[in-house]
Protein backbone atom coordinates (compact mmCIF):
# COMPACT_ATOMS: atom_id res chain seq x y z
CA UNK A 1 0.00 0.00 0.00
CA UNK A 2 1.56 3.30 -1.06
CA UNK A 3 2.37 6.14 1.29
CA UNK A 4 1.76 9.72 0.20
CA UNK A 5 3.93 12.53 1.54
CA UNK A 6 2.08 15.47 3.05
CA UNK A 7 4.06 18.72 2.88
CA UNK A 8 5.14 20.14 6.23
CA UNK A 9 4.72 23.83 7.03
CA UNK A 10 7.77 25.92 7.91
CA UNK A 11 9.51 25.70 10.32
CA UNK A 12 8.78 21.94 10.65
CA UNK A 13 10.07 21.07 7.19
CA UNK A 14 12.60 19.71 6.46
CA UNK A 15 13.13 18.44 10.02
CA UNK A 16 9.93 16.39 9.97
CA UNK A 17 8.31 14.53 7.08
CA UNK A 18 4.76 13.19 7.22
CA UNK A 19 3.47 10.27 5.18
CA UNK A 20 -0.17 9.20 4.87
CA UNK A 21 -1.72 5.86 3.93
CA UNK A 22 -5.22 6.58 2.55
CA UNK A 23 -6.81 3.14 3.03
CA UNK A 24 -5.94 2.95 6.72
CA UNK A 25 -6.10 6.73 7.30
CA UNK A 26 -2.85 6.54 9.28
CA UNK A 27 -0.17 9.22 9.12
CA UNK A 28 3.45 8.78 10.23
CA UNK A 29 5.78 11.65 11.02
CA UNK A 30 9.46 10.80 10.73
CA UNK A 31 12.66 12.72 11.33
CA UNK A 32 13.72 14.10 7.93
CA UNK A 33 16.96 15.77 8.96
CA UNK A 34 18.57 16.78 12.21
CA UNK A 35 18.71 20.38 13.30
CA UNK A 36 19.75 21.63 16.72
CA UNK A 37 16.63 22.85 18.56
CA UNK A 38 14.51 21.67 15.60
CA UNK A 39 14.48 17.89 16.00
CA UNK A 40 14.58 15.74 19.15
CA UNK A 41 18.22 14.91 19.86
CA UNK A 42 17.41 11.34 20.92
CA UNK A 43 16.01 10.47 17.47
CA UNK A 44 17.89 9.81 14.23
CA UNK A 45 16.97 10.60 10.65
CA UNK A 46 14.31 8.08 9.58
CA UNK A 47 13.02 7.40 13.10
CA UNK A 48 9.26 7.60 13.61
CA UNK A 49 8.35 10.69 15.61
CA UNK A 50 4.59 10.20 15.80
CA UNK A 51 1.66 8.16 14.52
CA UNK A 52 -1.71 9.82 13.95
CA UNK A 53 -4.98 8.05 13.23
CA UNK A 54 -7.40 8.66 11.83
CA UNK A 55 -6.26 11.30 9.38
CA UNK A 56 -9.00 11.83 6.85
CA UNK A 57 -8.59 12.84 3.22
CA UNK A 58 -10.18 16.19 4.14
CA UNK A 59 -7.47 16.86 6.72
CA UNK A 60 -4.76 15.92 4.22
CA UNK A 61 -6.20 18.42 1.71
CA UNK A 62 -6.45 21.10 4.42
CA UNK A 63 -2.76 20.58 5.27
CA UNK A 64 -1.76 20.83 1.60
CA UNK A 65 -3.69 24.08 1.16
CA UNK A 66 -2.23 25.52 4.37
CA UNK A 67 1.33 24.86 3.21
CA UNK A 68 0.67 26.14 -0.31
CA UNK A 69 -0.53 29.41 1.20
C-alpha atoms as a PDB file:
ATOM      1  CA  UNK A   1       0.000   0.000   0.000  1.00  0.00           C
ATOM      2  CA  UNK A   2       1.558   3.296  -1.056  1.00  0.00           C
ATOM      3  CA  UNK A   3       2.366   6.139   1.291  1.00  0.00           C
ATOM      4  CA  UNK A   4       1.758   9.722   0.203  1.00  0.00           C
ATOM      5  CA  UNK A   5       3.927  12.530   1.544  1.00  0.00           C
ATOM      6  CA  UNK A   6       2.084  15.468   3.050  1.00  0.00           C
ATOM      7  CA  UNK A   7       4.064  18.720   2.879  1.00  0.00           C
ATOM      8  CA  UNK A   8       5.136  20.141   6.234  1.00  0.00           C
ATOM      9  CA  UNK A   9       4.723  23.834   7.026  1.00  0.00           C
ATOM     10  CA  UNK A  10       7.766  25.917   7.913  1.00  0.00           C
ATOM     11  CA  UNK A  11       9.509  25.698  10.321  1.00  0.00           C
ATOM     12  CA  UNK A  12       8.779  21.938  10.651  1.00  0.00           C
ATOM     13  CA  UNK A  13      10.074  21.071   7.186  1.00  0.00           C
ATOM     14  CA  UNK A  14      12.598  19.706   6.456  1.00  0.00           C
ATOM     15  CA  UNK A  15      13.129  18.438  10.016  1.00  0.00           C
ATOM     16  CA  UNK A  16       9.927  16.386   9.966  1.00  0.00           C
ATOM     17  CA  UNK A  17       8.313  14.526   7.075  1.00  0.00           C
ATOM     18  CA  UNK A  18       4.758  13.187   7.219  1.00  0.00           C
ATOM     19  CA  UNK A  19       3.468  10.265   5.181  1.00  0.00           C
ATOM     20  CA  UNK A  20      -0.175   9.199   4.874  1.00  0.00           C
ATOM     21  CA  UNK A  21      -1.715   5.862   3.928  1.00  0.00           C
ATOM     22  CA  UNK A  22      -5.224   6.584   2.551  1.00  0.00           C
ATOM     23  CA  UNK A  23      -6.810   3.141   3.034  1.00  0.00           C
ATOM     24  CA  UNK A  24      -5.935   2.951   6.722  1.00  0.00           C
ATOM     25  CA  UNK A  25      -6.100   6.734   7.305  1.00  0.00           C
ATOM     26  CA  UNK A  26      -2.854   6.544   9.281  1.00  0.00           C
ATOM     27  CA  UNK A  27      -0.169   9.221   9.119  1.00  0.00           C
ATOM     28  CA  UNK A  28       3.454   8.778  10.230  1.00  0.00           C
ATOM     29  CA  UNK A  29       5.781  11.646  11.017  1.00  0.00           C
ATOM     30  CA  UNK A  30       9.463  10.801  10.730  1.00  0.00           C
ATOM     31  CA  UNK A  31      12.657  12.724  11.326  1.00  0.00           C
ATOM     32  CA  UNK A  32      13.721  14.098   7.932  1.00  0.00           C
ATOM     33  CA  UNK A  33      16.960  15.774   8.964  1.00  0.00           C
ATOM     34  CA  UNK A  34      18.573  16.781  12.215  1.00  0.00           C
ATOM     35  CA  UNK A  35      18.714  20.383  13.303  1.00  0.00           C
ATOM     36  CA  UNK A  36      19.753  21.630  16.723  1.00  0.00           C
ATOM     37  CA  UNK A  37      16.633  22.849  18.556  1.00  0.00           C
ATOM     38  CA  UNK A  38      14.507  21.673  15.597  1.00  0.00           C
ATOM     39  CA  UNK A  39      14.478  17.890  16.001  1.00  0.00           C
ATOM     40  CA  UNK A  40      14.577  15.741  19.150  1.00  0.00           C
ATOM     41  CA  UNK A  41      18.219  14.910  19.855  1.00  0.00           C
ATOM     42  CA  UNK A  42      17.413  11.340  20.921  1.00  0.00           C
ATOM     43  CA  UNK A  43      16.008  10.474  17.469  1.00  0.00           C
ATOM     44  CA  UNK A  44      17.889   9.813  14.226  1.00  0.00           C
ATOM     45  CA  UNK A  45      16.970  10.601  10.647  1.00  0.00           C
ATOM     46  CA  UNK A  46      14.310   8.082   9.575  1.00  0.00           C
ATOM     47  CA  UNK A  47      13.020   7.399  13.099  1.00  0.00           C
ATOM     48  CA  UNK A  48       9.259   7.599  13.607  1.00  0.00           C
ATOM     49  CA  UNK A  49       8.355  10.688  15.611  1.00  0.00           C
ATOM     50  CA  UNK A  50       4.594  10.198  15.800  1.00  0.00           C
ATOM     51  CA  UNK A  51       1.656   8.163  14.519  1.00  0.00           C
ATOM     52  CA  UNK A  52      -1.709   9.823  13.948  1.00  0.00           C
ATOM     53  CA  UNK A  53      -4.980   8.054  13.225  1.00  0.00           C
ATOM     54  CA  UNK A  54      -7.404   8.660  11.834  1.00  0.00           C
ATOM     55  CA  UNK A  55      -6.259  11.304   9.380  1.00  0.00           C
ATOM     56  CA  UNK A  56      -9.001  11.828   6.846  1.00  0.00           C
ATOM     57  CA  UNK A  57      -8.592  12.842   3.218  1.00  0.00           C
ATOM     58  CA  UNK A  58     -10.180  16.191   4.135  1.00  0.00           C
ATOM     59  CA  UNK A  59      -7.469  16.861   6.717  1.00  0.00           C
ATOM     60  CA  UNK A  60      -4.757  15.921   4.221  1.00  0.00           C
ATOM     61  CA  UNK A  61      -6.197  18.415   1.708  1.00  0.00           C
ATOM     62  CA  UNK A  62      -6.448  21.100   4.418  1.00  0.00           C
ATOM     63  CA  UNK A  63      -2.758  20.579   5.268  1.00  0.00           C
ATOM     64  CA  UNK A  64      -1.756  20.826   1.597  1.00  0.00           C
ATOM     65  CA  UNK A  65      -3.689  24.080   1.162  1.00  0.00           C
ATOM     66  CA  UNK A  66      -2.227  25.519   4.375  1.00  0.00           C
ATOM     67  CA  UNK A  67       1.331  24.859   3.208  1.00  0.00           C
ATOM     68  CA  UNK A  68       0.669  26.142  -0.315  1.00  0.00           C
ATOM     69  CA  UNK A  69      -0.535  29.412   1.196  1.00  0.00           C
END
